[in-house]
Protein backbone atom coordinates (compact mmCIF):
# COMPACT_ATOMS: atom_id res chain seq x y z
CA UNK A 1 226.65 259.12 184.18
CA UNK A 2 229.02 260.15 187.00
CA UNK A 3 227.37 263.67 187.15
CA UNK A 4 224.07 261.97 187.26
CA UNK A 5 224.94 259.76 190.21
CA UNK A 6 226.45 262.62 192.04
CA UNK A 7 223.43 264.95 191.74
CA UNK A 8 221.32 261.90 193.03
CA UNK A 9 223.67 261.21 195.82
CA UNK A 10 223.65 265.03 196.99
CA UNK A 11 219.90 265.37 196.48
CA UNK A 12 219.17 262.21 198.75
CA UNK A 13 221.65 263.24 201.47
CA UNK A 14 220.25 266.73 201.80
CA UNK A 15 217.09 264.92 203.08
CA UNK A 16 218.82 262.80 205.40
CA UNK A 17 218.33 259.42 203.56
CA UNK A 18 220.82 257.06 202.38
CA UNK A 19 220.14 255.41 199.01
CA UNK A 20 221.14 252.19 197.59
CA UNK A 21 221.23 252.73 193.96
CA UNK A 22 220.87 249.99 191.17
CA UNK A 23 221.00 250.56 187.62
CA UNK A 24 219.27 248.24 185.18
CA UNK A 25 218.43 248.49 181.51
CA UNK A 26 215.01 249.99 182.42
CA UNK A 27 216.57 252.89 184.42
CA UNK A 28 217.92 253.74 187.80
CA UNK A 29 216.02 252.51 191.18
CA UNK A 30 216.58 253.91 194.57
CA UNK A 31 215.84 252.02 197.73
CA UNK A 32 216.00 254.51 200.56
CA UNK A 33 216.34 254.06 204.58
CA UNK A 34 216.74 256.86 207.12
CA UNK A 35 220.00 258.09 207.52
CA UNK A 36 222.04 256.94 210.91
CA UNK A 37 219.76 254.06 211.41
CA UNK A 38 222.01 250.95 211.15
CA UNK A 39 220.26 247.75 209.76
CA UNK A 40 220.96 245.93 212.98
CA UNK A 41 218.29 247.29 215.23
CA UNK A 42 215.86 246.98 212.66
CA UNK A 43 216.44 243.43 212.05
CA UNK A 44 216.51 242.90 215.91
CA UNK A 45 212.94 244.69 216.16
CA UNK A 46 211.72 242.40 213.40
CA UNK A 47 212.74 239.56 215.22
CA UNK A 48 211.18 240.61 218.23
CA UNK A 49 207.77 241.25 216.55
CA UNK A 50 207.98 237.85 215.22
CA UNK A 51 208.43 236.13 218.46
CA UNK A 52 205.43 237.85 220.25
CA UNK A 53 203.33 235.08 221.57
CA UNK A 54 200.08 234.43 219.70
CA UNK A 55 196.94 235.17 221.57
CA UNK A 56 194.60 232.31 221.40
CA UNK A 57 190.90 232.86 220.96
CA UNK A 58 188.93 231.93 224.15
CA UNK A 59 186.92 228.78 223.91
CA UNK A 60 183.11 229.08 223.67
CA UNK A 61 181.33 227.66 226.75
CA UNK A 62 179.66 224.45 226.14
CA UNK A 63 175.96 223.98 227.01
CA UNK A 64 177.26 221.83 229.89
CA UNK A 65 179.24 224.66 231.24
CA UNK A 66 176.16 227.00 230.81
CA UNK A 67 173.88 224.58 232.73
CA UNK A 68 176.37 223.92 235.31
CA UNK A 69 176.48 227.79 236.21
CA UNK A 70 172.49 228.00 236.07
CA UNK A 71 171.67 225.10 238.15
CA UNK A 72 172.50 226.49 241.74
CA UNK A 73 169.79 229.25 240.93
CA UNK A 74 166.87 226.82 240.25
CA UNK A 75 164.58 225.82 243.18
CA UNK A 76 161.84 223.55 243.69
CA UNK A 77 158.53 225.08 244.94
CA UNK A 78 155.83 223.16 246.76
CA UNK A 79 152.69 224.98 247.92
CA UNK A 80 149.68 223.91 249.92
CA UNK A 81 146.40 226.22 250.00
CA UNK A 82 145.21 227.76 252.89
CA UNK A 83 142.72 225.24 253.53
CA UNK A 84 145.24 222.31 252.53
CA UNK A 85 142.72 221.10 250.06
CA UNK A 86 145.21 221.50 247.20
CA UNK A 87 148.74 221.17 246.55
CA UNK A 88 151.03 222.63 243.92
CA UNK A 89 154.37 221.70 242.83
CA UNK A 90 156.59 223.88 240.41
CA UNK A 91 159.82 225.59 239.90
CA UNK A 92 161.40 229.02 240.52
CA UNK A 93 164.59 230.91 239.85
CA UNK A 94 166.69 232.92 242.42
CA UNK A 95 166.88 236.44 241.22
CA UNK A 96 168.84 238.02 244.23
CA UNK A 97 171.33 237.14 246.79
CA UNK A 98 168.87 237.99 249.55
CA UNK A 99 166.53 235.42 248.38
CA UNK A 100 163.98 237.01 246.02
CA UNK A 101 162.52 234.23 243.83
CA UNK A 102 160.65 234.45 240.43
CA UNK A 103 158.16 231.78 239.63
CA UNK A 104 154.61 231.41 238.20
CA UNK A 105 151.51 232.81 239.80
CA UNK A 106 149.68 229.44 239.28
CA UNK A 107 152.41 227.71 241.01
CA UNK A 108 151.74 229.47 244.32
CA UNK A 109 148.00 229.66 243.88
CA UNK A 110 145.93 232.52 245.42
CA UNK A 111 145.90 232.81 249.11
CA UNK A 112 148.57 230.26 249.44
CA UNK A 113 148.97 228.84 252.95
CA UNK A 114 152.39 227.38 252.96
CA UNK A 115 155.22 227.63 250.62
CA UNK A 116 158.32 225.47 250.81
CA UNK A 117 161.41 226.07 248.60
CA UNK A 118 164.01 223.34 248.19
CA UNK A 119 167.59 224.52 247.08
CA UNK A 120 170.08 222.61 245.16
CA UNK A 121 171.65 221.66 248.25
CA UNK A 122 168.71 219.73 249.28
CA UNK A 123 167.69 222.09 252.31
CA UNK A 124 164.16 223.25 252.40
CA UNK A 125 163.38 226.83 253.41
CA UNK A 126 159.65 228.38 254.18
CA UNK A 127 158.91 231.11 251.80
CA UNK A 128 156.33 234.01 251.78
CA UNK A 129 154.50 235.58 248.83
CA UNK A 130 155.73 239.13 247.93
CA UNK A 131 153.77 239.80 244.82
CA UNK A 132 151.73 238.17 242.08
CA UNK A 133 150.00 239.02 239.20
CA UNK A 134 147.43 236.48 237.78
CA UNK A 135 147.05 238.21 234.36
CA UNK A 136 150.79 237.84 233.69
CA UNK A 137 151.21 234.37 235.56
CA UNK A 138 154.09 235.85 237.82
CA UNK A 139 155.06 235.96 241.20
CA UNK A 140 157.84 236.84 243.47
CA UNK A 141 158.48 234.96 246.78
CA UNK A 142 161.12 235.30 249.36
CA UNK A 143 163.24 233.12 251.44
CA UNK A 144 165.42 233.94 254.34
CA UNK A 145 168.59 232.76 256.11
CA UNK A 146 171.76 233.33 254.13
CA UNK A 147 173.34 234.58 250.87
CA UNK A 148 172.04 232.46 247.74
CA UNK A 149 173.32 232.11 244.10
CA UNK A 150 171.28 234.31 241.88
CA UNK A 151 170.66 233.79 237.93
CA UNK A 152 172.06 236.33 235.49
CA UNK A 153 168.96 238.10 234.01
CA UNK A 154 169.33 238.55 230.29
CA UNK A 155 167.26 240.62 227.66
CA UNK A 156 164.48 238.90 225.64
CA UNK A 157 164.22 241.45 223.29
CA UNK A 158 167.68 240.37 221.67
CA UNK A 159 166.40 236.85 221.17
CA UNK A 160 166.26 235.54 217.49
CA UNK A 161 164.35 232.66 216.15
CA UNK A 162 166.56 229.54 215.94
CA UNK A 163 168.62 230.48 218.99
CA UNK A 164 169.56 227.74 221.24
CA UNK A 165 167.60 227.78 224.65
CA UNK A 166 167.49 225.33 227.53
CA UNK A 167 164.67 224.95 230.19
CA UNK A 168 165.45 223.81 233.70
CA UNK A 169 162.85 222.70 236.09
CA UNK A 170 161.20 219.87 238.26
CA UNK A 171 158.75 218.08 235.88
CA UNK A 172 156.06 215.79 237.45
CA UNK A 173 157.66 215.73 241.01
CA UNK A 174 160.93 216.61 242.85
CA UNK A 175 162.07 212.95 241.93
CA UNK A 176 163.20 214.39 238.76
CA UNK A 177 164.47 217.72 240.06
CA UNK A 178 166.43 219.98 237.97
CA UNK A 179 165.83 218.23 234.72
CA UNK A 180 167.33 219.98 231.66
CA UNK A 181 165.70 219.95 228.35
CA UNK A 182 167.24 221.83 225.27
CA UNK A 183 165.89 223.37 221.91
CA UNK A 184 165.48 226.53 220.07
CA UNK A 185 163.29 229.66 219.95
CA UNK A 186 160.64 228.64 217.67
CA UNK A 187 158.91 232.09 217.77
CA UNK A 188 158.77 235.41 219.64
CA UNK A 189 155.82 237.58 220.23
CA UNK A 190 153.20 234.76 220.21
CA UNK A 191 149.79 235.26 221.63
CA UNK A 192 147.81 232.36 223.38
CA UNK A 193 144.25 232.23 224.64
CA UNK A 194 143.98 230.54 228.22
CA UNK A 195 140.82 229.06 229.27
CA UNK A 196 140.28 228.63 233.06
CA UNK A 197 137.21 228.66 235.22
CA UNK A 198 134.91 229.43 232.58
CA UNK A 199 136.90 232.57 231.27
CA UNK A 200 139.34 233.10 228.39
CA UNK A 201 142.48 235.17 228.94
CA UNK A 202 144.84 236.41 226.29
CA UNK A 203 148.54 236.15 227.03
CA UNK A 204 150.69 238.18 224.63
CA UNK A 205 154.15 238.56 223.50
CA UNK A 206 155.19 235.00 224.97
CA UNK A 207 158.67 233.21 223.77
CA UNK A 208 157.77 229.82 221.86
CA UNK A 209 160.25 227.09 222.39
CA UNK A 210 160.64 223.34 221.56
CA UNK A 211 162.46 222.53 224.77
CA UNK A 212 160.22 220.09 226.72
CA UNK A 213 158.08 221.78 229.20
CA UNK A 214 155.97 219.59 231.45
CA UNK A 215 154.10 219.96 234.63
CA UNK A 216 156.52 220.99 237.35
CA UNK A 217 158.65 223.20 234.83
CA UNK A 218 156.42 226.05 235.64
CA UNK A 219 158.08 229.01 236.93
CA UNK A 220 161.54 227.43 236.11
CA UNK A 221 163.90 229.54 233.93
CA UNK A 222 164.38 229.49 230.15
CA UNK A 223 167.95 230.38 229.54
CA UNK A 224 169.96 231.30 226.43
CA UNK A 225 173.56 230.29 225.20
CA UNK A 226 175.19 232.56 227.74
CA UNK A 227 173.44 231.13 230.65
CA UNK A 228 171.23 234.27 231.23
CA UNK A 229 167.55 233.84 232.17
CA UNK A 230 165.53 235.16 229.16
CA UNK A 231 162.04 233.70 230.12
CA UNK A 232 159.85 232.19 232.89
CA UNK A 233 158.33 228.70 231.50
CA UNK A 234 154.55 228.93 231.99
CA UNK A 235 152.60 226.66 229.72
CA UNK A 236 152.75 223.97 226.81
CA UNK A 237 150.17 223.00 224.32
CA UNK A 238 148.91 219.75 225.65
CA UNK A 239 147.63 218.58 222.20
CA UNK A 240 150.97 219.11 220.27
CA UNK A 241 154.51 218.07 220.74
CA UNK A 242 157.31 220.66 221.33
CA UNK A 243 155.28 223.75 221.87
CA UNK A 244 155.89 225.52 225.14
CA UNK A 245 155.84 229.20 226.14
CA UNK A 246 157.64 231.44 228.43
CA UNK A 247 157.00 235.08 229.73
CA UNK A 248 159.88 237.19 228.78
CA UNK A 249 161.96 238.08 231.68
CA UNK A 250 161.95 241.89 230.87
CA UNK A 251 158.81 242.16 232.66
CA UNK A 252 160.07 240.83 235.95
CA UNK A 253 163.09 243.20 235.94
CA UNK A 254 161.41 246.23 237.09
CA UNK A 255 159.43 244.36 239.70
CA UNK A 256 162.64 242.72 240.98
CA UNK A 257 164.48 246.18 241.14
CA UNK A 258 161.81 247.88 242.84
CA UNK A 259 161.36 244.86 245.40
CA UNK A 260 165.14 244.78 246.10
CA UNK A 261 164.96 248.59 246.88
CA UNK A 262 161.91 248.89 248.96
CA UNK A 263 160.75 245.17 249.90
CA UNK A 264 157.51 245.29 247.99
CA UNK A 265 155.89 246.03 244.64
CA UNK A 266 152.37 247.49 244.22
CA UNK A 267 151.16 246.80 240.63
CA UNK A 268 150.42 250.08 239.13
CA UNK A 269 146.82 250.42 237.61
CA UNK A 270 146.21 252.05 234.18
CA UNK A 271 142.65 250.71 233.99
CA UNK A 272 142.76 249.42 230.18
CA UNK A 273 143.46 246.37 228.13
CA UNK A 274 144.85 246.74 224.64
CA UNK A 275 145.42 244.46 221.78
CA UNK A 276 147.78 244.29 218.98
CA UNK A 277 146.44 244.74 215.51
CA UNK A 278 146.51 240.93 214.69
CA UNK A 279 145.03 240.22 218.03
CA UNK A 280 142.18 242.83 217.60
CA UNK A 281 141.24 241.59 214.31
CA UNK A 282 141.31 237.94 215.67
CA UNK A 283 138.97 238.94 218.35
CA UNK A 284 136.69 240.46 215.73
CA UNK A 285 137.43 244.22 215.69
CA UNK A 286 137.50 245.84 212.36
CA UNK A 287 141.13 247.65 212.43
CA UNK A 288 143.68 248.17 209.95
CA UNK A 289 146.54 249.92 212.05
CA UNK A 290 149.83 248.37 211.60
CA UNK A 291 151.72 249.54 214.82
CA UNK A 292 150.32 250.41 218.36
CA UNK A 293 147.92 248.85 220.89
CA UNK A 294 143.97 248.85 220.14
CA UNK A 295 142.21 249.96 223.31
CA UNK A 296 139.70 246.97 223.60
CA UNK A 297 138.88 247.01 227.37
CA UNK A 298 138.43 250.41 229.59
CA UNK A 299 137.53 250.64 233.00
CA UNK A 300 135.26 253.82 233.16
CA UNK A 301 136.40 254.61 236.67
CA UNK A 302 140.00 254.12 236.06
CA UNK A 303 143.07 256.31 235.69
CA UNK A 304 143.19 256.03 231.55
CA UNK A 305 139.43 256.84 231.25
CA UNK A 306 139.95 259.67 233.64
CA UNK A 307 142.73 260.84 231.62
CA UNK A 308 140.76 261.02 228.50
CA UNK A 309 141.41 257.58 226.44
CA UNK A 310 138.32 256.01 224.93
CA UNK A 311 137.62 252.53 223.50
CA UNK A 312 138.97 252.27 219.95
CA UNK A 313 142.09 254.50 220.53
CA UNK A 314 145.38 253.14 219.47
CA UNK A 315 148.29 253.70 221.94
CA UNK A 316 151.41 254.08 220.14
CA UNK A 317 153.87 255.47 222.77
CA UNK A 318 154.45 255.24 226.31
CA UNK A 319 157.04 257.61 228.11
CA UNK A 320 158.10 258.25 224.64
CA UNK A 321 159.22 254.81 223.51
CA UNK A 322 156.99 252.89 221.04
CA UNK A 323 154.87 250.13 222.26
CA UNK A 324 153.68 247.35 220.00
CA UNK A 325 152.52 244.69 222.46
CA UNK A 326 150.44 244.90 225.91
CA UNK A 327 153.55 243.23 227.61
CA UNK A 328 155.82 246.07 226.28
CA UNK A 329 153.28 248.54 227.76
CA UNK A 330 153.31 246.83 231.10
CA UNK A 331 157.16 247.07 231.21
CA UNK A 332 156.99 250.87 230.90
CA UNK A 333 154.15 250.88 233.42
CA UNK A 334 155.99 248.79 235.91
CA UNK A 335 158.74 251.26 235.95
CA UNK A 336 156.22 253.41 238.03
CA UNK A 337 154.36 252.97 241.05
CA UNK A 338 150.79 254.36 241.97
CA UNK A 339 150.68 258.21 242.13
CA UNK A 340 153.09 258.65 239.55
CA UNK A 341 152.30 259.47 235.90
CA UNK A 342 153.08 257.82 232.62
CA UNK A 343 152.90 259.76 229.36
CA UNK A 344 150.73 258.11 226.62
CA UNK A 345 150.49 259.08 222.96
CA UNK A 346 147.62 257.65 221.03
CA UNK A 347 145.88 257.94 217.64
CA UNK A 348 142.20 259.14 217.34
CA UNK A 349 140.58 260.04 214.10
CA UNK A 350 143.96 260.10 212.38
CA UNK A 351 145.41 262.61 214.96
CA UNK A 352 148.11 262.12 217.55
CA UNK A 353 147.17 263.04 221.02
CA UNK A 354 149.18 262.80 224.27
CA UNK A 355 148.10 262.63 227.87
CA UNK A 356 149.70 262.07 231.20
CA UNK A 357 147.84 259.37 233.33
CA UNK A 358 148.09 259.35 237.09
CA UNK A 359 148.28 255.64 238.07
CA UNK A 360 146.31 254.17 240.71
CA UNK A 361 147.01 251.11 242.89
CA UNK A 362 145.60 247.82 241.30
CA UNK A 363 142.38 246.88 242.82
CA UNK A 364 142.38 243.55 244.62
CA UNK A 365 139.49 242.34 242.69
CA UNK A 366 140.96 243.03 239.42
């Protein structure tokens, strides 16, 4: 046995290890530690690690915290027509420090005479219209005279059904300014038909929520649990409870970015309107495609027609990105200005075609 232990000792020693040997009925076991490393420093290191302070998880912001941060960016909007015969009230959200505000087009109307914006402080400032689009029910106005608190703009494409949201606005009148209603995202990608003035317009890719939206909420923000604006509240179904709709904020982002750089935004004109397969079938078209946009309306003197697109074509890509709704197509379109080109890929007779469409300025009468 002594010879065996000596052999083990020298074998271990030659590798710079110190072995603690124990002999049991089952055999010989070695417990090895590095040579020349006393136990005291190891014990001290172990103690120091155990005494490191614990990192506590940061607390999730409450709904009250989120609302408190968002409120300074919400404004009241009062608008009189040029003749003074009509008067609108609504809401808006400050998008930039220098006073650009996003709202609904129907809040400011067409040919607005005077626009007044009421801030959270109670100050009222005159505003001027910078851009509006009736088909999207969106507008941008501008106030002057200082630095303002802008809202954080989020990404509506990341929304999930069931996610908590809150609507902020001025329902009925400024007496109820900055009323907050909370709910969930009921659905995304909704299409609804709006009847006005004897005509019907289809609004697509809307966010549906059960947060209460009432007259005066129009133009105000729909915010997520991080306090980011993910939609602009635009309409509710009057014959039902808890069915409100918001335009995704993504479409406003390229508009605000361009206006912030140049002070204006000229809506680029493509000269077509296209439906999803579901919407096209609803409108009576005999189509069976599952992705892309069905060209249902086409201006015979517009850029798309001149580039070669025709009624019944199915647009699949814009600038290399797949587009599944007219809103998604507009988002790509709004990254350009008139005179620039957008690449469109479309299906016709089971063949994929690609064209470059040189955009025009949107006609005033369109």
